N, C-alpha and C. Protein backbone atom coordinates (compact mmCIF):
# COMPACT_ATOMS: atom_id res chain seq x y z
N UNK A 1 24.78 0.78 9.27
CA UNK A 1 24.42 -0.15 9.01
C UNK A 1 24.70 -1.06 7.87
N UNK A 2 25.22 -2.45 7.72
CA UNK A 2 25.70 -2.93 6.58
C UNK A 2 24.65 -4.36 6.34
N UNK A 3 24.31 -4.20 5.06
CA UNK A 3 23.12 -5.20 4.79
C UNK A 3 24.07 -6.58 4.70
N UNK A 4 22.75 -7.95 5.04
CA UNK A 4 23.17 -8.97 5.28
C UNK A 4 24.34 -9.44 4.01
N UNK A 5 25.29 -10.18 4.30
CA UNK A 5 26.10 -10.68 2.96
C UNK A 5 25.56 -12.07 2.35
N UNK A 6 25.22 -12.22 1.10
CA UNK A 6 25.03 -13.33 0.66
C UNK A 6 25.69 -13.82 -0.67
N UNK A 7 25.45 -14.68 -1.45
CA UNK A 7 25.76 -14.68 -2.68
C UNK A 7 24.96 -14.24 -3.94
N UNK A 8 25.52 -14.15 -5.09
CA UNK A 8 24.56 -13.09 -5.74
C UNK A 8 23.11 -13.54 -6.06
N UNK A 9 22.91 -14.87 -6.19
CA UNK A 9 21.80 -15.09 -6.44
C UNK A 9 21.03 -15.72 -5.34
N UNK A 10 21.31 -15.58 -4.09
CA UNK A 10 20.80 -15.77 -3.10
C UNK A 10 19.51 -14.85 -2.52
N UNK A 11 18.50 -15.32 -1.99
CA UNK A 11 17.76 -14.75 -1.15
C UNK A 11 18.27 -12.97 -0.44
N UNK A 12 17.71 -12.01 -0.31
CA UNK A 12 18.24 -10.98 0.34
C UNK A 12 17.59 -10.96 1.36
N UNK A 13 17.83 -10.72 2.49
CA UNK A 13 17.28 -10.29 3.84
C UNK A 13 17.50 -8.59 4.38
N UNK A 14 17.82 -7.84 3.65
CA UNK A 14 18.14 -6.74 3.88
C UNK A 14 16.85 -5.90 3.82
N UNK A 15 15.58 -6.56 3.28
CA UNK A 15 14.23 -5.37 3.30
C UNK A 15 13.70 -5.60 4.83
N UNK A 16 14.13 -7.14 5.65
CA UNK A 16 13.76 -7.08 6.68
C UNK A 16 14.16 -6.27 7.70
N UNK A 17 15.25 -5.43 7.41
CA UNK A 17 15.86 -4.62 8.55
C UNK A 17 15.65 -3.14 8.02
N UNK A 18 15.01 -2.86 6.82
CA UNK A 18 14.38 -1.46 6.69
C UNK A 18 13.54 -0.75 7.54
N UNK A 19 12.64 -1.50 8.21
CA UNK A 19 11.56 -1.02 9.04
C UNK A 19 11.99 -1.12 10.77
N UNK A 20 13.10 -1.43 10.98
CA UNK A 20 13.66 -1.99 12.39
C UNK A 20 13.84 -0.90 13.12
N UNK A 21 13.92 0.38 12.86
CA UNK A 21 13.93 1.63 13.38
C UNK A 21 15.39 1.73 14.32
N UNK A 22 16.42 1.03 13.71
CA UNK A 22 17.19 1.38 14.64
C UNK A 22 18.19 2.70 13.99
N UNK A 23 18.97 3.07 14.88
CA UNK A 23 19.98 4.21 14.44
C UNK A 23 20.99 3.69 14.10
N UNK A 24 21.45 3.38 12.84
CA UNK A 24 22.70 3.01 12.74
C UNK A 24 23.20 3.60 10.89
N UNK A 25 24.32 3.72 10.55
CA UNK A 25 24.74 3.96 9.17
C UNK A 25 24.55 2.72 8.28
N UNK A 26 23.94 3.46 7.23
CA UNK A 26 23.88 2.40 5.94
C UNK A 26 25.57 2.28 5.43
N UNK A 27 26.01 0.97 5.23
CA UNK A 27 27.35 1.36 4.53
C UNK A 27 27.30 1.02 3.10
N UNK A 28 26.77 -0.52 2.80
CA UNK A 28 26.75 -0.64 1.32
C UNK A 28 25.98 -1.85 1.34
N UNK A 29 24.97 -1.98 0.27
CA UNK A 29 24.03 -3.16 -0.05
C UNK A 29 24.83 -4.35 -0.02
N UNK A 30 24.18 -5.65 -0.10
CA UNK A 30 24.86 -7.03 0.21
C UNK A 30 25.30 -7.11 -1.40
N UNK A 31 25.64 -8.26 -1.66
CA UNK A 31 26.40 -8.77 -3.20
C UNK A 31 24.97 -9.22 -3.93
N UNK A 32 23.84 -9.95 -3.17
CA UNK A 32 22.89 -10.21 -4.10
C UNK A 32 22.24 -9.46 -4.61
N UNK A 33 21.80 -9.91 -6.17
CA UNK A 33 21.28 -8.84 -7.40
C UNK A 33 20.11 -8.42 -6.92
N UNK A 34 19.18 -9.29 -5.88
CA UNK A 34 17.81 -9.30 -5.53
C UNK A 34 17.72 -8.19 -4.17
N UNK A 35 18.93 -7.37 -3.77
CA UNK A 35 19.01 -6.52 -2.72
C UNK A 35 17.80 -5.16 -2.98
N UNK A 36 17.58 -4.59 -1.89
CA UNK A 36 16.62 -3.66 -2.49
C UNK A 36 17.35 -2.47 -2.40
N UNK A 37 18.44 -2.61 -1.99
CA UNK A 37 19.75 -1.68 -2.12
C UNK A 37 20.66 -1.54 -3.32
N UNK A 38 20.14 -2.59 -4.38
CA UNK A 38 20.98 -2.79 -5.28
C UNK A 38 21.63 -1.70 -6.46
N UNK A 39 20.71 -0.87 -6.90
CA UNK A 39 20.26 0.35 -7.33
C UNK A 39 21.88 1.03 -7.18
N UNK A 40 22.07 0.80 -5.38
CA UNK A 40 23.27 1.94 -5.39
C UNK A 40 24.48 1.25 -5.72
N UNK A 41 24.86 0.15 -5.72
CA UNK A 41 25.91 -0.44 -5.88
C UNK A 41 26.03 -0.35 -7.56
N UNK A 42 24.82 -0.32 -8.16
CA UNK A 42 25.02 -0.53 -9.72
C UNK A 42 25.33 0.46 -10.39
N UNK A 43 25.54 1.74 -9.39
CA UNK A 43 26.19 2.96 -9.75
C UNK A 43 25.60 4.17 -10.20
N UNK A 44 24.15 3.59 -10.27
CA UNK A 44 23.06 4.82 -10.56
C UNK A 44 23.43 6.15 -9.76
N UNK A 45 22.95 7.70 -10.33
CA UNK A 45 23.35 8.51 -9.37
C UNK A 45 22.21 8.59 -8.45
N UNK A 46 22.39 8.45 -7.03
CA UNK A 46 21.95 8.56 -6.11
C UNK A 46 22.75 8.66 -4.80
N UNK A 47 22.15 9.52 -4.17
CA UNK A 47 22.74 9.82 -2.66
C UNK A 47 22.00 9.50 -1.53
N UNK A 48 21.17 8.29 -1.88
CA UNK A 48 19.86 8.07 -0.83
C UNK A 48 21.38 7.49 0.46
N UNK A 49 22.26 6.95 0.07
CA UNK A 49 22.98 6.28 1.20
C UNK A 49 23.60 7.63 2.34
N UNK A 50 23.39 8.53 1.84
CA UNK A 50 24.05 10.13 2.55
C UNK A 50 22.71 10.84 3.20
N UNK A 51 21.65 10.01 3.44
CA UNK A 51 20.54 11.03 4.13
C UNK A 51 20.30 10.92 5.53
N UNK A 52 19.64 11.92 6.22
CA UNK A 52 19.11 11.77 7.30
C UNK A 52 17.97 12.22 7.53
N UNK A 53 17.58 11.58 9.01
CA UNK A 53 15.63 12.03 9.29
C UNK A 53 15.77 13.01 10.42
N UNK A 54 15.12 14.14 10.00
CA UNK A 54 14.46 14.96 11.29
C UNK A 54 13.19 14.96 11.67
N UNK A 55 12.85 14.84 12.85
CA UNK A 55 11.75 14.68 13.68
C UNK A 55 11.75 16.10 14.33
N UNK A 56 10.43 16.17 15.03
CA UNK A 56 10.18 17.03 15.68
C UNK A 56 10.26 18.56 15.34
N UNK A 57 9.79 18.59 13.67
CA UNK A 57 10.33 19.91 12.93
C UNK A 57 8.96 20.34 13.19
N UNK A 58 8.75 21.65 13.09
CA UNK A 58 7.45 22.33 13.35
C UNK A 58 6.40 21.95 12.03
N UNK A 59 4.88 21.79 12.03
CA UNK A 59 4.06 21.02 11.35
C UNK A 59 3.85 22.08 9.91
N UNK A 60 4.24 22.80 9.75
CA UNK A 60 3.98 24.03 8.74
C UNK A 60 5.00 23.84 8.33
N UNK A 61 6.37 23.52 8.24
CA UNK A 61 7.41 23.48 7.73
C UNK A 61 7.45 23.07 5.93
N UNK A 62 7.87 24.06 5.15
CA UNK A 62 7.65 23.91 3.73
C UNK A 62 9.03 23.55 3.48
N UNK A 63 9.49 22.84 2.16
CA UNK A 63 10.84 22.68 1.51
C UNK A 63 11.77 24.06 1.63
N UNK A 64 10.93 24.95 1.19
CA UNK A 64 11.73 25.90 0.88
C UNK A 64 12.19 26.29 2.33
N UNK A 65 11.28 26.62 3.40
CA UNK A 65 11.89 26.73 4.79
C UNK A 65 12.92 26.03 5.35
N UNK A 66 13.10 24.78 5.06
CA UNK A 66 14.06 23.81 5.54
C UNK A 66 15.40 24.11 4.40
N UNK A 67 15.10 24.38 3.54
CA UNK A 67 16.49 24.76 2.75
C UNK A 67 16.81 25.83 3.24
N UNK A 68 15.96 27.02 3.63
CA UNK A 68 16.66 28.22 3.91
C UNK A 68 17.47 27.72 5.28
N UNK A 69 16.98 27.16 6.27
CA UNK A 69 17.98 26.82 7.58
C UNK A 69 18.94 25.97 7.25
N UNK A 70 19.10 25.07 6.19
CA UNK A 70 20.07 24.04 5.93
C UNK A 70 21.18 25.37 5.71
N UNK A 71 20.83 26.43 4.49
CA UNK A 71 21.90 27.24 4.04
C UNK A 71 22.24 27.99 5.01
N UNK A 72 21.21 28.75 5.73
CA UNK A 72 21.94 29.22 7.20
C UNK A 72 23.04 28.68 8.08
N UNK A 73 23.00 27.24 7.97
CA UNK A 73 23.69 26.69 9.03
C UNK A 73 25.06 25.96 8.05
N UNK A 74 24.81 26.59 6.97
CA UNK A 74 26.24 26.31 5.78
C UNK A 74 26.41 24.95 5.78
N UNK A 75 25.13 24.03 5.30
CA UNK A 75 24.96 22.91 5.08
C UNK A 75 24.57 22.71 3.58
N UNK A 76 25.16 21.64 2.73
CA UNK A 76 24.71 21.39 1.12
C UNK A 76 23.67 20.57 1.25
N UNK A 77 22.77 20.20 0.91
CA UNK A 77 21.58 19.79 0.87
C UNK A 77 21.78 18.95 -0.88
N UNK A 78 21.57 17.87 -1.03
CA UNK A 78 21.47 17.35 -2.51
C UNK A 78 19.48 17.10 -2.67
N UNK A 79 19.14 16.51 -2.16
CA UNK A 79 17.39 16.88 -1.80
C UNK A 79 16.70 16.77 -0.23
N UNK A 80 15.57 17.43 -0.57
CA UNK A 80 14.65 17.71 0.70
C UNK A 80 13.26 17.18 0.53
N UNK A 81 13.17 16.09 1.65
CA UNK A 81 11.60 15.58 1.32
C UNK A 81 11.15 15.81 2.64
N UNK A 82 9.84 16.27 2.61
CA UNK A 82 8.77 16.52 3.93
C UNK A 82 7.74 15.58 3.71
N UNK A 83 7.61 14.83 4.47
CA UNK A 83 6.74 13.59 4.63
C UNK A 83 5.38 14.50 5.32
N UNK A 84 4.08 14.31 4.73
CA UNK A 84 3.14 14.76 5.77
C UNK A 84 2.66 14.44 6.91
N UNK A 85 2.60 15.04 7.56
CA UNK A 85 2.59 14.70 9.26
C UNK A 85 3.57 13.54 9.75
N UNK A 86 4.87 13.77 9.31
CA UNK A 86 5.89 12.87 9.42
C UNK A 86 7.04 13.55 9.64
N UNK A 87 8.34 12.47 8.93
CA UNK A 87 9.47 13.28 9.27
C UNK A 87 9.86 13.56 8.19
N UNK A 88 11.12 14.70 8.14
CA UNK A 88 11.77 15.12 7.07
C UNK A 88 13.04 14.53 6.77
N UNK A 89 13.05 14.31 5.16
CA UNK A 89 14.39 13.45 5.08
C UNK A 89 15.28 14.06 3.99
N UNK A 90 16.44 14.45 4.15
CA UNK A 90 17.60 14.90 3.53
C UNK A 90 18.85 14.53 3.16
N UNK A 91 19.10 14.07 1.65
CA UNK A 91 20.01 13.51 1.19
C UNK A 91 21.54 14.39 1.00
N UNK A 92 22.47 13.93 1.27
CA UNK A 92 23.90 14.89 0.95
C UNK A 92 24.61 13.93 -0.19
N UNK A 93 25.41 14.68 -0.74
CA UNK A 93 26.67 14.27 -1.67
C UNK A 93 27.52 13.27 -1.02
N UNK A 94 27.66 13.54 0.16
CA UNK A 94 29.16 12.70 0.79
C UNK A 94 28.65 12.36 2.18
N UNK A 95 29.21 11.70 2.78
CA UNK A 95 29.15 11.18 4.13
C UNK A 95 29.68 12.02 4.85
N UNK A 96 30.36 13.04 4.42
CA UNK A 96 31.13 14.04 5.16
C UNK A 96 29.95 15.29 5.49
N UNK A 97 29.25 15.56 4.38
CA UNK A 97 28.12 16.68 4.47
C UNK A 97 27.26 16.04 5.58
N UNK A 98 26.73 14.64 5.01
CA UNK A 98 25.87 14.11 6.22
C UNK A 98 26.23 14.09 7.39
N UNK A 99 27.53 13.83 8.05
CA UNK A 99 27.74 13.98 9.29
C UNK A 99 27.72 15.57 10.02
N UNK A 100 28.31 16.10 9.12
CA UNK A 100 28.47 18.10 9.51
C UNK A 100 27.09 18.17 9.66
N UNK A 101 25.86 17.68 9.01
CA UNK A 101 24.40 18.33 9.10
C UNK A 101 24.04 17.59 10.35
N UNK A 102 24.28 16.46 10.61
CA UNK A 102 23.82 15.79 11.90
C UNK A 102 24.40 16.25 13.41
N UNK A 103 25.58 16.66 12.70
CA UNK A 103 26.40 17.04 14.05
C UNK A 103 25.41 18.79 14.67
N UNK A 104 25.46 19.73 13.48
CA UNK A 104 24.57 20.91 13.51
C UNK A 104 23.13 20.75 13.78
N UNK A 105 22.20 20.00 13.27
CA UNK A 105 21.14 19.96 13.36
C UNK A 105 20.51 19.24 14.80
N UNK A 106 21.21 18.31 14.90
CA UNK A 106 20.56 17.14 16.19
C UNK A 106 20.72 18.36 17.46
N UNK A 107 19.51 18.46 18.14
CA UNK A 107 19.18 19.45 19.39
C UNK A 107 19.15 20.72 18.86
N UNK A 108 19.18 21.23 17.37
CA UNK A 108 18.83 22.64 17.25
C UNK A 108 17.65 23.21 17.68
N UNK A 109 17.31 24.28 18.08
CA UNK A 109 16.06 24.65 18.43
C UNK A 109 15.50 25.55 17.49
N UNK A 110 14.57 25.25 16.74
CA UNK A 110 14.25 25.57 15.26
C UNK A 110 12.46 26.08 15.62
N UNK A 111 12.27 27.20 15.46
CA UNK A 111 10.78 27.84 16.02
C UNK A 111 10.23 26.80 17.18
N UNK A 112 11.07 27.19 17.89
CA UNK A 112 10.51 26.81 19.53
C UNK A 112 10.70 25.23 19.33
N UNK A 113 11.19 24.49 18.49
CA UNK A 113 11.23 22.89 18.61
C UNK A 113 12.58 22.40 18.49
N UNK A 114 12.86 21.44 19.70
CA UNK A 114 14.13 21.15 19.24
C UNK A 114 14.24 20.00 18.50
N UNK A 115 15.12 20.08 17.22
CA UNK A 115 14.99 19.11 16.14
C UNK A 115 16.08 17.55 16.70
N UNK A 116 15.39 16.73 16.37
CA UNK A 116 15.90 15.37 16.45
C UNK A 116 16.40 14.66 15.28
N UNK A 117 17.74 14.52 15.13
CA UNK A 117 18.26 14.17 13.85
C UNK A 117 18.88 12.96 13.78
N UNK A 118 19.04 12.13 13.03
CA UNK A 118 19.67 10.98 12.86
C UNK A 118 19.85 10.51 11.30
N UNK A 119 20.91 9.42 11.13
CA UNK A 119 21.11 8.86 9.76
C UNK A 119 19.80 8.00 9.37
N UNK A 120 19.78 8.10 8.13
CA UNK A 120 18.14 7.18 7.58
C UNK A 120 19.16 6.42 6.62
N UNK A 121 18.29 5.38 6.71
CA UNK A 121 18.34 4.06 5.64
C UNK A 121 18.02 4.77 4.15
N UNK A 122 18.52 4.31 3.37
CA UNK A 122 17.92 4.71 1.87
C UNK A 122 16.77 4.08 1.53
N UNK A 123 16.18 4.62 0.49
CA UNK A 123 14.80 4.09 -0.18
C UNK A 123 15.10 2.94 -0.50
N UNK A 124 14.25 2.16 -0.38
CA UNK A 124 13.99 0.89 -1.31
C UNK A 124 13.73 0.69 -2.41
N UNK A 125 14.01 -0.06 -3.58
CA UNK A 125 13.66 -0.32 -4.71
C UNK A 125 12.44 -1.05 -4.72
N UNK A 126 11.18 -0.27 -5.03
CA UNK A 126 9.75 -0.73 -4.56
C UNK A 126 9.37 -2.15 -5.72
N UNK A 127 10.23 -2.05 -6.60
CA UNK A 127 9.60 -3.55 -7.61
C UNK A 127 10.10 -4.85 -6.39
N UNK A 128 11.63 -4.45 -6.18
CA UNK A 128 12.23 -5.61 -5.11
C UNK A 128 11.61 -6.13 -4.27
N UNK A 129 11.32 -4.89 -3.48
CA UNK A 129 10.93 -4.82 -1.82
C UNK A 129 9.49 -5.57 -2.22
N UNK A 130 8.49 -5.28 -2.96
CA UNK A 130 7.26 -5.85 -3.15
C UNK A 130 7.58 -7.86 -3.25
N UNK A 131 8.43 -8.09 -4.37
CA UNK A 131 8.79 -9.09 -5.02
C UNK A 131 9.07 -9.75 -3.53
N UNK A 132 10.26 -9.27 -2.74
CA UNK A 132 10.78 -9.86 -1.47
C UNK A 132 9.52 -10.26 -0.29
N UNK A 133 8.45 -9.28 -0.47
CA UNK A 133 7.55 -9.80 0.62
C UNK A 133 6.48 -10.66 0.05
N UNK A 134 6.21 -10.63 -1.13
CA UNK A 134 5.51 -11.47 -1.78
C UNK A 134 5.94 -12.98 -1.49
N UNK A 135 7.41 -13.26 -2.03
CA UNK A 135 8.03 -14.26 -1.56
C UNK A 135 8.20 -14.86 -0.04
N UNK A 136 8.10 -14.41 0.78
CA UNK A 136 8.54 -14.22 2.11
C UNK A 136 7.11 -14.84 2.78
N UNK A 137 5.69 -14.15 2.16
CA UNK A 137 4.65 -14.54 2.37
C UNK A 137 4.13 -15.92 2.00
N UNK A 138 4.72 -16.14 0.75
CA UNK A 138 4.59 -17.62 0.29
C UNK A 138 5.30 -18.32 1.09
N UNK A 139 6.22 -18.49 1.22
CA UNK A 139 7.12 -19.22 2.07
C UNK A 139 6.52 -19.43 3.35
N UNK A 140 6.06 -18.29 4.21
CA UNK A 140 5.57 -18.38 5.41
C UNK A 140 4.01 -19.04 5.59
N UNK A 141 3.28 -19.32 4.55
CA UNK A 141 2.22 -19.84 4.77
C UNK A 141 1.97 -21.02 4.79
N UNK A 142 1.42 -21.18 6.27
CA UNK A 142 1.03 -22.77 6.61
C UNK A 142 0.59 -23.88 5.74
N UNK A 143 1.32 -25.07 6.13
CA UNK A 143 1.11 -26.19 5.07
C UNK A 143 -0.32 -26.65 4.71
N UNK A 144 -1.27 -26.55 5.80
CA UNK A 144 -2.85 -26.88 5.49
C UNK A 144 -3.56 -25.76 4.49
N UNK A 145 -2.86 -24.70 5.05
CA UNK A 145 -3.73 -23.59 4.15
C UNK A 145 -3.04 -23.74 2.81
N UNK A 146 -1.75 -23.79 2.54
CA UNK A 146 -0.97 -23.73 1.15
C UNK A 146 -1.97 -24.66 0.60
N UNK A 147 -2.03 -26.22 1.36
CA UNK A 147 -2.37 -27.21 0.57
C UNK A 147 -3.95 -27.04 0.08
N UNK A 148 -4.99 -26.35 0.76
CA UNK A 148 -6.10 -25.64 0.52
C UNK A 148 -6.18 -25.00 -0.81
N UNK A 149 -5.21 -24.33 -0.61
CA UNK A 149 -5.29 -23.27 -2.04
C UNK A 149 -4.77 -23.96 -3.22
N UNK A 150 -3.86 -25.07 -3.43
CA UNK A 150 -3.49 -25.72 -4.27
C UNK A 150 -4.64 -26.31 -4.73
N UNK A 151 -5.44 -27.05 -3.78
CA UNK A 151 -6.23 -27.91 -4.23
C UNK A 151 -7.46 -27.37 -5.02
N UNK A 152 -7.83 -25.86 -4.37
CA UNK A 152 -8.73 -25.20 -4.88
C UNK A 152 -8.11 -24.94 -6.36
N UNK A 153 -6.87 -24.50 -6.44
CA UNK A 153 -6.53 -23.75 -7.94
C UNK A 153 -6.27 -25.18 -9.00
N UNK A 154 -6.30 -26.39 -8.41
CA UNK A 154 -6.35 -27.39 -9.46
C UNK A 154 -7.71 -27.69 -9.76
N UNK A 155 -8.93 -27.59 -8.59
CA UNK A 155 -10.15 -27.96 -8.93
C UNK A 155 -10.75 -26.87 -10.22
N UNK A 156 -10.15 -25.49 -9.99
CA UNK A 156 -10.50 -24.42 -10.95
C UNK A 156 -9.76 -24.76 -12.38
N UNK A 157 -9.02 -25.10 -12.46
CA UNK A 157 -8.04 -25.69 -13.43
C UNK A 157 -8.71 -26.84 -14.05
N UNK A 158 -9.58 -28.11 -13.73
CA UNK A 158 -10.09 -29.25 -14.10
C UNK A 158 -11.45 -28.76 -14.62
N UNK A 159 -12.26 -27.68 -13.52
CA UNK A 159 -13.75 -27.47 -14.03
C UNK A 159 -13.52 -26.12 -14.34
N UNK A 160 -13.65 -25.80 -15.79
CA UNK A 160 -13.31 -24.09 -15.95
C UNK A 160 -14.76 -23.42 -16.24
N UNK A 161 -15.06 -22.31 -15.64
CA UNK A 161 -16.14 -21.51 -15.43
C UNK A 161 -16.27 -21.45 -17.47
N UNK A 162 -17.66 -21.78 -17.42
CA UNK A 162 -18.24 -21.52 -18.81
C UNK A 162 -18.31 -19.92 -18.79
N UNK A 163 -17.71 -18.86 -19.49
CA UNK A 163 -18.34 -17.61 -19.31
C UNK A 163 -19.95 -17.23 -19.69
N UNK A 164 -20.48 -17.90 -20.56
CA UNK A 164 -21.81 -17.79 -20.94
C UNK A 164 -22.34 -17.76 -19.54
N UNK A 165 -22.11 -18.71 -18.89
CA UNK A 165 -22.78 -18.98 -17.19
C UNK A 165 -22.92 -17.25 -16.60
N UNK A 166 -21.75 -16.72 -16.54
CA UNK A 166 -21.58 -15.73 -16.06
C UNK A 166 -22.61 -14.45 -16.63
N UNK A 167 -22.58 -14.26 -17.92
CA UNK A 167 -23.14 -13.34 -18.66
C UNK A 167 -24.81 -13.86 -18.84
N UNK A 168 -25.48 -15.04 -19.18
CA UNK A 168 -26.92 -15.51 -19.12
C UNK A 168 -27.12 -16.66 -18.34
N UNK A 169 -26.72 -16.87 -17.16
CA UNK A 169 -27.15 -18.25 -16.40
C UNK A 169 -28.58 -19.12 -16.71
N UNK A 170 -29.34 -18.24 -17.47
CA UNK A 170 -30.29 -19.24 -17.76
C UNK A 170 -30.44 -19.66 -19.00
N UNK A 171 -29.19 -19.42 -19.59
CA UNK A 171 -29.28 -20.00 -21.44
C UNK A 171 -29.61 -21.74 -21.57
N UNK A 172 -29.14 -22.12 -20.53
CA UNK A 172 -29.44 -23.17 -20.46
C UNK A 172 -31.12 -23.97 -20.75
N UNK A 173 -31.68 -23.03 -20.34
CA UNK A 173 -33.30 -23.57 -20.36
C UNK A 173 -33.88 -22.87 -21.48
N UNK A 174 -34.69 -23.88 -22.18
CA UNK A 174 -35.54 -23.57 -23.14
C UNK A 174 -36.32 -22.27 -22.94
N UNK A 175 -36.74 -21.49 -23.88
CA UNK A 175 -37.74 -20.45 -23.80
C UNK A 175 -39.10 -20.51 -23.56
N UNK A 176 -39.62 -20.98 -22.18
CA UNK A 176 -40.84 -21.59 -22.55
C UNK A 176 -41.06 -21.15 -21.01
N UNK A 177 -42.58 -21.38 -20.48
CA UNK A 177 -42.69 -20.71 -19.38
C UNK A 177 -41.94 -20.99 -18.02
N UNK A 178 -41.00 -21.95 -18.09
CA UNK A 178 -40.06 -22.23 -16.79
C UNK A 178 -39.08 -20.88 -17.05
N UNK A 179 -38.39 -20.59 -18.12
CA UNK A 179 -37.32 -19.59 -17.74
C UNK A 179 -38.26 -18.30 -17.52
N UNK A 180 -38.81 -18.01 -18.24
CA UNK A 180 -40.13 -16.97 -17.79
C UNK A 180 -40.08 -16.49 -16.29
N UNK A 181 -40.96 -17.51 -15.83
CA UNK A 181 -40.71 -17.79 -14.31
C UNK A 181 -39.82 -17.49 -13.48
N UNK A 182 -38.61 -18.00 -14.16
CA UNK A 182 -37.40 -17.89 -13.32
C UNK A 182 -37.08 -16.44 -13.56
N UNK A 183 -37.19 -15.97 -14.47
CA UNK A 183 -36.63 -14.28 -14.40
C UNK A 183 -37.69 -13.74 -13.86
N UNK A 184 -38.72 -14.07 -13.96
CA UNK A 184 -39.73 -13.04 -13.42
C UNK A 184 -39.53 -13.10 -11.54
N UNK A 185 -39.07 -14.40 -10.80
CA UNK A 185 -39.06 -14.37 -9.50
C UNK A 185 -37.56 -13.92 -9.24
N UNK A 186 -36.44 -13.54 -10.50
CA UNK A 186 -35.46 -13.14 -10.01
C UNK A 186 -35.82 -11.58 -9.53
N UNK A 187 -36.41 -10.97 -10.72
CA UNK A 187 -37.02 -9.59 -10.70
C UNK A 187 -37.61 -9.39 -9.52
N UNK A 188 -38.75 -9.71 -9.27
CA UNK A 188 -39.34 -9.71 -8.17
C UNK A 188 -38.50 -9.72 -6.54
N UNK A 189 -37.59 -10.63 -6.67
CA UNK A 189 -36.72 -10.64 -5.40
C UNK A 189 -35.89 -9.15 -5.43
N UNK A 190 -35.45 -8.52 -6.54
CA UNK A 190 -34.97 -7.67 -6.61
C UNK A 190 -35.27 -6.42 -6.24
N UNK A 191 -36.62 -6.46 -6.56
CA UNK A 191 -37.65 -5.09 -6.24
C UNK A 191 -38.14 -5.52 -4.83
N UNK A 192 -38.28 -6.53 -4.16
CA UNK A 192 -38.20 -6.69 -2.73
C UNK A 192 -37.12 -5.95 -1.91
N UNK A 193 -36.15 -6.25 -2.39
CA UNK A 193 -34.82 -5.58 -1.74
C UNK A 193 -34.68 -4.05 -2.15
N UNK A 194 -35.02 -3.79 -3.23
CA UNK A 194 -35.11 -2.48 -3.50
C UNK A 194 -36.22 -1.69 -2.52
N UNK A 195 -37.68 -2.02 -2.41
CA UNK A 195 -38.50 -1.47 -1.48
C UNK A 195 -37.74 -1.77 -0.13
N UNK A 196 -37.17 -2.50 0.20
CA UNK A 196 -36.44 -2.79 1.88
C UNK A 196 -35.66 -1.48 2.16
N UNK A 197 -34.48 -1.16 0.92
CA UNK A 197 -33.65 -0.58 1.10
C UNK A 197 -34.19 0.91 1.03
N UNK A 198 -35.25 1.45 0.21
CA UNK A 198 -35.82 2.50 0.03
C UNK A 198 -36.41 2.86 1.46
N UNK A 199 -36.95 2.34 2.09
CA UNK A 199 -37.68 2.31 3.32
C UNK A 199 -37.14 2.69 4.14
N UNK A 200 -35.50 2.24 4.15
CA UNK A 200 -34.92 2.73 5.36
C UNK A 200 -34.29 4.23 5.31
N UNK A 201 -34.12 4.78 3.92
CA UNK A 201 -33.76 5.92 3.95
C UNK A 201 -34.52 6.86 3.58
N UNK A 202 -35.70 6.56 3.13
CA UNK A 202 -37.06 7.50 3.08
C UNK A 202 -37.18 8.10 4.15
N UNK A 203 -37.57 9.72 4.14
CA UNK A 203 -37.70 10.45 5.22
C UNK A 203 -38.82 11.36 4.36
N UNK A 204 -39.64 10.96 3.53
CA UNK A 204 -40.90 11.45 3.08
C UNK A 204 -42.20 10.92 3.17
N UNK A 205 -43.05 11.19 4.02
CA UNK A 205 -44.31 10.23 4.12
C UNK A 205 -44.77 10.06 3.17
N UNK A 206 -45.23 10.86 1.98
CA UNK A 206 -45.87 10.70 0.74
C UNK A 206 -45.33 9.66 0.15
N UNK A 207 -43.52 9.55 0.17
CA UNK A 207 -43.23 8.57 -0.19
C UNK A 207 -43.01 7.19 0.36
N UNK A 208 -43.38 7.23 1.34
CA UNK A 208 -43.66 6.14 1.90
C UNK A 208 -45.05 5.32 1.49
N UNK A 209 -45.88 6.46 1.71
CA UNK A 209 -47.24 5.75 1.25
C UNK A 209 -47.47 4.85 0.03
N UNK A 210 -46.85 5.72 -0.85
CA UNK A 210 -46.28 5.19 -2.44
C UNK A 210 -45.91 3.91 -2.09
N UNK A 211 -45.16 3.28 -1.63
CA UNK A 211 -43.98 2.21 -1.55
C UNK A 211 -45.36 1.23 -0.62
N UNK A 212 -46.07 1.40 0.26
CA UNK A 212 -47.14 0.86 0.99
C UNK A 212 -48.34 0.25 -0.03
N UNK A 213 -48.73 1.47 -0.99
CA UNK A 213 -49.87 0.92 -1.71
C UNK A 213 -49.38 1.17 -3.57
N UNK A 214 -47.82 1.42 -3.67
CA UNK A 214 -47.87 1.37 -4.95
C UNK A 214 -47.54 0.43 -5.76
N UNK A 215 -47.40 0.22 -6.94
CA UNK A 215 -46.80 -0.87 -7.88
C UNK A 215 -45.39 -1.76 -7.16
N UNK A 216 -44.30 -1.03 -6.82
CA UNK A 216 -42.92 -1.62 -6.15
C UNK A 216 -43.71 -2.86 -5.06
N UNK A 217 -44.62 -1.95 -4.12
CA UNK A 217 -44.87 -2.92 -3.15
C UNK A 217 -46.26 -4.28 -3.15
N UNK A 218 -46.79 -3.67 -4.31
CA UNK A 218 -48.02 -4.50 -5.25
C UNK A 218 -46.97 -5.96 -5.84
N UNK A 219 -45.88 -5.67 -6.63
CA UNK A 219 -45.05 -6.70 -7.18
C UNK A 219 -44.32 -7.52 -6.33
N UNK A 220 -43.65 -6.85 -5.24
CA UNK A 220 -42.71 -7.25 -4.26
C UNK A 220 -43.91 -8.52 -3.45
N UNK A 221 -44.55 -7.99 -2.94
CA UNK A 221 -45.96 -9.05 -2.25
C UNK A 221 -45.94 -10.08 -2.97
N UNK A 222 -46.03 -10.20 -4.24
CA UNK A 222 -46.08 -11.51 -4.59
C UNK A 222 -45.03 -12.71 -4.82
N UNK A 223 -43.90 -12.05 -4.21
CA UNK A 223 -42.69 -13.01 -3.96
C UNK A 223 -42.93 -13.98 -2.45
């Protein structure tokens, strides 16, 4: 697989090919600096471009067991990674080592299971992949939905929320019977919800009696 070619600063489309599932060989990242495989071109020590994927490996196989298998077949892995309830990925130091591994392992019977092996794409740069996905979601947002979002953001910026309203919503009322009554109504409302919740989970008869005749019921009945 060769990434889509583009200019250095153009948007990279390589990330869309990441999970297509095609069986193809990775050749090189595209020229875009935003390519999710740019770290390979940058010269960082990585053998991700020489990676294979093994499927149908028996479920209790460990990294040690897989390395022992590779050694018995005279293969030279660089890194072995087993995904829980998933495939096994093995990186090599060269394309020759990788091709040799595919030839020897594909169709090999291990622990009574026939292995299925193919070349795998490199791991994507997580930061660049997330950035590309977010940019794509933004560009594909319907026009009407985008307009509503922009309108809501504009309204929120024009009418900022006073943090005091979030902490003490009754601060505008004078400390008089009106404020006290408002607080009492709020408290009784919460008590009524509490009584209803406790009734649903209560399994003891004496507790249920307390709820019917007790303090919480008396307060909640005032609401």
